[in-house]
């Protein structure tokens, strides 16, 4: 959804969606988007290996984000 956006525009997009109470299901490795998410699900080989807010997952899974 936001792969063509620069980081600043992407943050604006997520802020606008959050302000509207919009539910979004997406797939990304962008830190800006992960930080805005209420819940992040980490998949490895199609299996769920971790869930939670990015602030808790970043330490273990931050190497996957660009």
PDB file of N, CA and C in Angstrom:
ATOM      1  N   UNK A   1       0.820  -1.186   0.000  1.00  0.00           N
ATOM      2  CA  UNK A   1       0.000   0.000   0.000  1.00  0.00           C
ATOM      3  C   UNK A   1       0.866   1.252   0.000  1.00  0.00           C
ATOM      4  N   UNK A   2       1.932   1.250   0.774  1.00  0.00           N
ATOM      5  CA  UNK A   2       2.706   2.477   0.908  1.00  0.00           C
ATOM      6  C   UNK A   2       4.133   2.331   0.392  1.00  0.00           C
ATOM      7  N   UNK A   3       4.400   1.313  -0.387  1.00  0.00           N
ATOM      8  CA  UNK A   3       5.774   1.043  -0.816  1.00  0.00           C
ATOM      9  C   UNK A   3       6.364   2.152  -1.680  1.00  0.00           C
ATOM     10  N   UNK A   4       5.542   2.917  -2.374  1.00  0.00           N
ATOM     11  CA  UNK A   4       6.055   3.976  -3.246  1.00  0.00           C
ATOM     12  C   UNK A   4       6.194   5.321  -2.529  1.00  0.00           C
ATOM     13  N   UNK A   5       5.855   5.386  -1.250  1.00  0.00           N
ATOM     14  CA  UNK A   5       5.884   6.643  -0.521  1.00  0.00           C
ATOM     15  C   UNK A   5       7.227   6.856   0.163  1.00  0.00           C
ATOM     16  N   UNK A   6       7.635   8.132   0.259  1.00  0.00           N
ATOM     17  CA  UNK A   6       8.816   8.440   1.057  1.00  0.00           C
ATOM     18  C   UNK A   6       8.416   8.341   2.528  1.00  0.00           C
ATOM     19  N   UNK A   7       9.399   8.304   3.414  1.00  0.00           N
ATOM     20  CA  UNK A   7       9.144   8.066   4.831  1.00  0.00           C
ATOM     21  C   UNK A   7       8.212   9.107   5.449  1.00  0.00           C
ATOM     22  N   UNK A   8       8.404  10.380   5.130  1.00  0.00           N
ATOM     23  CA  UNK A   8       7.571  11.439   5.715  1.00  0.00           C
ATOM     24  C   UNK A   8       6.114  11.306   5.289  1.00  0.00           C
ATOM     25  N   UNK A   9       5.883  11.016   4.015  1.00  0.00           N
ATOM     26  CA  UNK A   9       4.514  10.867   3.515  1.00  0.00           C
ATOM     27  C   UNK A   9       3.865   9.626   4.112  1.00  0.00           C
ATOM     28  N   UNK A  10       4.655   8.578   4.285  1.00  0.00           N
ATOM     29  CA  UNK A  10       4.114   7.354   4.881  1.00  0.00           C
ATOM     30  C   UNK A  10       3.667   7.595   6.326  1.00  0.00           C
ATOM     31  N   UNK A  11       4.441   8.344   7.090  1.00  0.00           N
ATOM     32  CA  UNK A  11       4.054   8.669   8.464  1.00  0.00           C
ATOM     33  C   UNK A  11       2.759   9.466   8.466  1.00  0.00           C
ATOM     34  N   UNK A  12       2.625  10.414   7.536  1.00  0.00           N
ATOM     35  CA  UNK A  12       1.381  11.189   7.420  1.00  0.00           C
ATOM     36  C   UNK A  12       0.200  10.283   7.097  1.00  0.00           C
ATOM     37  N   UNK A  13       0.408   9.334   6.190  1.00  0.00           N
ATOM     38  CA  UNK A  13      -0.659   8.399   5.824  1.00  0.00           C
ATOM     39  C   UNK A  13      -1.121   7.603   7.036  1.00  0.00           C
ATOM     40  N   UNK A  14      -0.174   7.016   7.767  1.00  0.00           N
ATOM     41  CA  UNK A  14      -0.540   6.204   8.936  1.00  0.00           C
ATOM     42  C   UNK A  14      -1.217   7.055   9.999  1.00  0.00           C
ATOM     43  N   UNK A  15      -0.775   8.278  10.182  1.00  0.00           N
ATOM     44  CA  UNK A  15      -1.403   9.176  11.156  1.00  0.00           C
ATOM     45  C   UNK A  15      -2.844   9.480  10.764  1.00  0.00           C
ATOM     46  N   UNK A  16      -3.071   9.726   9.481  1.00  0.00           N
ATOM     47  CA  UNK A  16      -4.427  10.015   8.995  1.00  0.00           C
ATOM     48  C   UNK A  16      -5.344   8.805   9.158  1.00  0.00           C
ATOM     49  N   UNK A  17      -4.833   7.618   8.844  1.00  0.00           N
ATOM     50  CA  UNK A  17      -5.636   6.397   9.002  1.00  0.00           C
ATOM     51  C   UNK A  17      -5.979   6.173  10.471  1.00  0.00           C
ATOM     52  N   UNK A  18      -4.999   6.370  11.354  1.00  0.00           N
ATOM     53  CA  UNK A  18      -5.236   6.193  12.785  1.00  0.00           C
ATOM     54  C   UNK A  18      -6.270   7.202  13.290  1.00  0.00           C
ATOM     55  N   UNK A  19      -6.183   8.447  12.835  1.00  0.00           N
ATOM     56  CA  UNK A  19      -7.122   9.486  13.264  1.00  0.00           C
ATOM     57  C   UNK A  19      -8.559   9.142  12.871  1.00  0.00           C
ATOM     58  N   UNK A  20      -8.706   8.418  11.780  1.00  0.00           N
ATOM     59  CA  UNK A  20     -10.048   8.014  11.320  1.00  0.00           C
ATOM     60  C   UNK A  20     -10.516   6.719  11.963  1.00  0.00           C
ATOM     61  N   UNK A  21      -9.636   6.069  12.723  1.00  0.00           N
ATOM     62  CA  UNK A  21     -10.009   4.794  13.341  1.00  0.00           C
ATOM     63  C   UNK A  21     -10.059   3.653  12.344  1.00  0.00           C
ATOM     64  N   UNK A  22      -9.317   3.783  11.259  1.00  0.00           N
ATOM     65  CA  UNK A  22      -9.327   2.794  10.192  1.00  0.00           C
ATOM     66  C   UNK A  22      -8.517   1.558  10.582  1.00  0.00           C
ATOM     67  N   UNK A  23      -9.063   0.388  10.314  1.00  0.00           N
ATOM     68  CA  UNK A  23      -8.332  -0.857  10.516  1.00  0.00           C
ATOM     69  C   UNK A  23      -7.596  -1.186   9.229  1.00  0.00           C
ATOM     70  N   UNK A  24      -6.295  -1.455   9.350  1.00  0.00           N
ATOM     71  CA  UNK A  24      -5.470  -1.768   8.191  1.00  0.00           C
ATOM     72  C   UNK A  24      -4.708  -3.057   8.469  1.00  0.00           C
ATOM     73  N   UNK A  25      -4.757  -3.972   7.519  1.00  0.00           N
ATOM     74  CA  UNK A  25      -3.925  -5.168   7.570  1.00  0.00           C
ATOM     75  C   UNK A  25      -2.946  -5.036   6.417  1.00  0.00           C
ATOM     76  N   UNK A  26      -1.667  -5.065   6.725  1.00  0.00           N
ATOM     77  CA  UNK A  26      -0.668  -4.857   5.679  1.00  0.00           C
ATOM     78  C   UNK A  26       0.547  -5.724   5.891  1.00  0.00           C
ATOM     79  N   UNK A  27       1.409  -5.699   4.917  1.00  0.00           N
ATOM     80  CA  UNK A  27       2.684  -6.400   5.000  1.00  0.00           C
ATOM     81  C   UNK A  27       3.782  -5.405   4.685  1.00  0.00           C
ATOM     82  N   UNK A  28       4.749  -5.262   5.589  1.00  0.00           N
ATOM     83  CA  UNK A  28       5.815  -4.292   5.391  1.00  0.00           C
ATOM     84  C   UNK A  28       7.037  -4.672   6.204  1.00  0.00           C
ATOM     85  N   UNK A  29       8.157  -4.133   5.791  1.00  0.00           N
ATOM     86  CA  UNK A  29       9.377  -4.233   6.591  1.00  0.00           C
ATOM     87  C   UNK A  29       9.882  -2.832   6.925  1.00  0.00           C
ATOM     88  N   UNK A  30       9.062  -1.819   6.660  1.00  0.00           N
ATOM     89  CA  UNK A  30       9.451  -0.437   6.933  1.00  0.00           C
ATOM     90  C   UNK A  30       9.251  -0.108   8.406  1.00  0.00           C
ATOM     91  N   UNK A  31      10.320   0.382   9.027  1.00  0.00           N
ATOM     92  CA  UNK A  31      10.268   0.725  10.450  1.00  0.00           C
ATOM     93  C   UNK A  31       9.179   1.747  10.767  1.00  0.00           C
ATOM     94  N   UNK A  32       9.011   2.746   9.905  1.00  0.00           N
ATOM     95  CA  UNK A  32       8.006   3.791  10.151  1.00  0.00           C
ATOM     96  C   UNK A  32       6.613   3.193  10.253  1.00  0.00           C
ATOM     97  N   UNK A  33       6.287   2.260   9.391  1.00  0.00           N
ATOM     98  CA  UNK A  33       4.970   1.618   9.417  1.00  0.00           C
ATOM     99  C   UNK A  33       4.848   0.676  10.609  1.00  0.00           C
ATOM    100  N   UNK A  34       5.901  -0.084  10.890  1.00  0.00           N
ATOM    101  CA  UNK A  34       5.872  -1.014  12.018  1.00  0.00           C
ATOM    102  C   UNK A  34       5.670  -0.271  13.331  1.00  0.00           C
ATOM    103  N   UNK A  35       6.314   0.875  13.458  1.00  0.00           N
ATOM    104  CA  UNK A  35       6.203   1.667  14.684  1.00  0.00           C
ATOM    105  C   UNK A  35       4.790   2.213  14.885  1.00  0.00           C
ATOM    106  N   UNK A  36       4.028   2.411  13.820  1.00  0.00           N
ATOM    107  CA  UNK A  36       2.668   2.939  13.898  1.00  0.00           C
ATOM    108  C   UNK A  36       1.631   1.855  14.186  1.00  0.00           C
ATOM    109  N   UNK A  37       2.003   0.610  13.965  1.00  0.00           N
ATOM    110  CA  UNK A  37       1.043  -0.492  14.095  1.00  0.00           C
ATOM    111  C   UNK A  37       0.704  -0.771  15.557  1.00  0.00           C
ATOM    112  N   UNK A  38      -0.549  -1.117  15.815  1.00  0.00           N
ATOM    113  CA  UNK A  38      -0.954  -1.547  17.155  1.00  0.00           C
ATOM    114  C   UNK A  38      -0.374  -2.924  17.460  1.00  0.00           C
ATOM    115  N   UNK A  39      -0.336  -3.779  16.450  1.00  0.00           N
ATOM    116  CA  UNK A  39       0.178  -5.132  16.614  1.00  0.00           C
ATOM    117  C   UNK A  39       0.961  -5.524  15.376  1.00  0.00           C
ATOM    118  N   UNK A  40       2.112  -6.111  15.593  1.00  0.00           N
ATOM    119  CA  UNK A  40       2.954  -6.620  14.517  1.00  0.00           C
ATOM    120  C   UNK A  40       3.011  -8.135  14.665  1.00  0.00           C
ATOM    121  N   UNK A  41       2.899  -8.833  13.557  1.00  0.00           N
ATOM    122  CA  UNK A  41       3.023 -10.291  13.540  1.00  0.00           C
ATOM    123  C   UNK A  41       4.265 -10.613  12.716  1.00  0.00           C
ATOM    124  N   UNK A  42       5.213 -11.320  13.312  1.00  0.00           N
ATOM    125  CA  UNK A  42       6.447 -11.706  12.620  1.00  0.00           C
ATOM    126  C   UNK A  42       6.262 -13.133  12.110  1.00  0.00           C
ATOM    127  N   UNK A  43       6.469 -13.298  10.793  1.00  0.00           N
ATOM    128  CA  UNK A  43       6.372 -14.615  10.172  1.00  0.00           C
ATOM    129  C   UNK A  43       7.757 -15.062   9.719  1.00  0.00           C
ATOM    130  N   UNK A  44       8.093 -16.300   9.967  1.00  0.00           N
ATOM    131  CA  UNK A  44       9.313 -16.910   9.455  1.00  0.00           C
ATOM    132  C   UNK A  44       8.899 -18.208   8.791  1.00  0.00           C
ATOM    133  N   UNK A  45       9.187 -18.306   7.503  1.00  0.00           N
ATOM    134  CA  UNK A  45       8.807 -19.482   6.713  1.00  0.00           C
ATOM    135  C   UNK A  45       7.310 -19.765   6.840  1.00  0.00           C
ATOM    136  N   UNK A  46       6.513 -18.689   6.874  1.00  0.00           N
ATOM    137  CA  UNK A  46       5.065 -18.831   6.921  1.00  0.00           C
ATOM    138  C   UNK A  46       4.493 -19.142   8.290  1.00  0.00           C
ATOM    139  N   UNK A  47       5.328 -19.223   9.299  1.00  0.00           N
ATOM    140  CA  UNK A  47       4.879 -19.525  10.655  1.00  0.00           C
ATOM    141  C   UNK A  47       4.964 -18.273  11.529  1.00  0.00           C
ATOM    142  N   UNK A  48       3.956 -18.058  12.389  1.00  0.00           N
ATOM    143  CA  UNK A  48       3.976 -16.948  13.326  1.00  0.00           C
ATOM    144  C   UNK A  48       4.993 -17.268  14.420  1.00  0.00           C
ATOM    145  N   UNK A  49       5.994 -16.395  14.571  1.00  0.00           N
ATOM    146  CA  UNK A  49       7.023 -16.613  15.591  1.00  0.00           C
ATOM    147  C   UNK A  49       6.989 -15.560  16.694  1.00  0.00           C
ATOM    148  N   UNK A  50       6.290 -14.438  16.459  1.00  0.00           N
ATOM    149  CA  UNK A  50       6.187 -13.403  17.480  1.00  0.00           C
ATOM    150  C   UNK A  50       5.052 -12.457  17.128  1.00  0.00           C
ATOM    151  N   UNK A  51       4.414 -11.901  18.163  1.00  0.00           N
ATOM    152  CA  UNK A  51       3.385 -10.874  17.974  1.00  0.00           C
ATOM    153  C   UNK A  51       3.516  -9.845  19.082  1.00  0.00           C
ATOM    154  N   UNK A  52       3.082  -8.642  18.779  1.00  0.00           N
ATOM    155  CA  UNK A  52       3.080  -7.586  19.776  1.00  0.00           C
ATOM    156  C   UNK A  52       3.384  -6.246  19.145  1.00  0.00           C
ATOM    157  N   UNK A  53       3.521  -5.220  19.961  1.00  0.00           N
ATOM    158  CA  UNK A  53       3.887  -3.911  19.424  1.00  0.00           C
ATOM    159  C   UNK A  53       5.350  -3.923  18.980  1.00  0.00           C
ATOM    160  N   UNK A  54       5.662  -3.129  17.966  1.00  0.00           N
ATOM    161  CA  UNK A  54       7.033  -3.100  17.441  1.00  0.00           C
ATOM    162  C   UNK A  54       8.040  -2.685  18.512  1.00  0.00           C
ATOM    163  N   UNK A  55       7.630  -1.833  19.430  1.00  0.00           N
ATOM    164  CA  UNK A  55       8.542  -1.396  20.493  1.00  0.00           C
ATOM    165  C   UNK A  55       9.061  -2.573  21.313  1.00  0.00           C
ATOM    166  N   UNK A  56       8.288  -3.644  21.404  1.00  0.00           N
ATOM    167  CA  UNK A  56       8.716  -4.846  22.119  1.00  0.00           C
ATOM    168  C   UNK A  56       9.447  -5.830  21.205  1.00  0.00           C
ATOM    169  N   UNK A  57       9.120  -5.832  19.931  1.00  0.00           N
ATOM    170  CA  UNK A  57       9.695  -6.803  18.996  1.00  0.00           C
ATOM    171  C   UNK A  57      10.983  -6.330  18.346  1.00  0.00           C
ATOM    172  N   UNK A  58      11.188  -5.011  18.316  1.00  0.00           N
ATOM    173  CA  UNK A  58      12.331  -4.441  17.608  1.00  0.00           C
ATOM    174  C   UNK A  58      13.666  -5.021  18.074  1.00  0.00           C
ATOM    175  N   UNK A  59      13.835  -5.223  19.351  1.00  0.00           N
ATOM    176  CA  UNK A  59      15.105  -5.714  19.875  1.00  0.00           C
ATOM    177  C   UNK A  59      15.471  -7.083  19.282  1.00  0.00           C
ATOM    178  N   UNK A  60      14.487  -7.961  19.157  1.00  0.00           N
ATOM    179  CA  UNK A  60      14.752  -9.305  18.641  1.00  0.00           C
ATOM    180  C   UNK A  60      14.641  -9.406  17.124  1.00  0.00           C
ATOM    181  N   UNK A  61      13.770  -8.583  16.536  1.00  0.00           N
ATOM    182  CA  UNK A  61      13.457  -8.743  15.116  1.00  0.00           C
ATOM    183  C   UNK A  61      13.805  -7.527  14.284  1.00  0.00           C
ATOM    184  N   UNK A  62      14.427  -6.523  14.850  1.00  0.00           N
ATOM    185  CA  UNK A  62      14.758  -5.286  14.158  1.00  0.00           C
ATOM    186  C   UNK A  62      15.634  -5.494  12.923  1.00  0.00           C
ATOM    187  N   UNK A  63      16.413  -6.559  12.918  1.00  0.00           N
ATOM    188  CA  UNK A  63      17.272  -6.836  11.754  1.00  0.00           C
ATOM    189  C   UNK A  63      16.460  -7.118  10.489  1.00  0.00           C
ATOM    190  N   UNK A  64      15.171  -7.430  10.644  1.00  0.00           N
ATOM    191  CA  UNK A  64      14.317  -7.700   9.485  1.00  0.00           C
ATOM    192  C   UNK A  64      13.742  -6.423   8.879  1.00  0.00           C
ATOM    193  N   UNK A  65      13.774  -5.334   9.621  1.00  0.00           N
ATOM    194  CA  UNK A  65      13.181  -4.073   9.155  1.00  0.00           C
ATOM    195  C   UNK A  65      14.217  -3.236   8.436  1.00  0.00           C
ATOM    196  N   UNK A  66      13.748  -2.528   7.401  1.00  0.00           N
ATOM    197  CA  UNK A  66      14.639  -1.663   6.652  1.00  0.00           C
ATOM    198  C   UNK A  66      14.408  -0.218   6.901  1.00  0.00           C
TER     199      UNK A  66
END
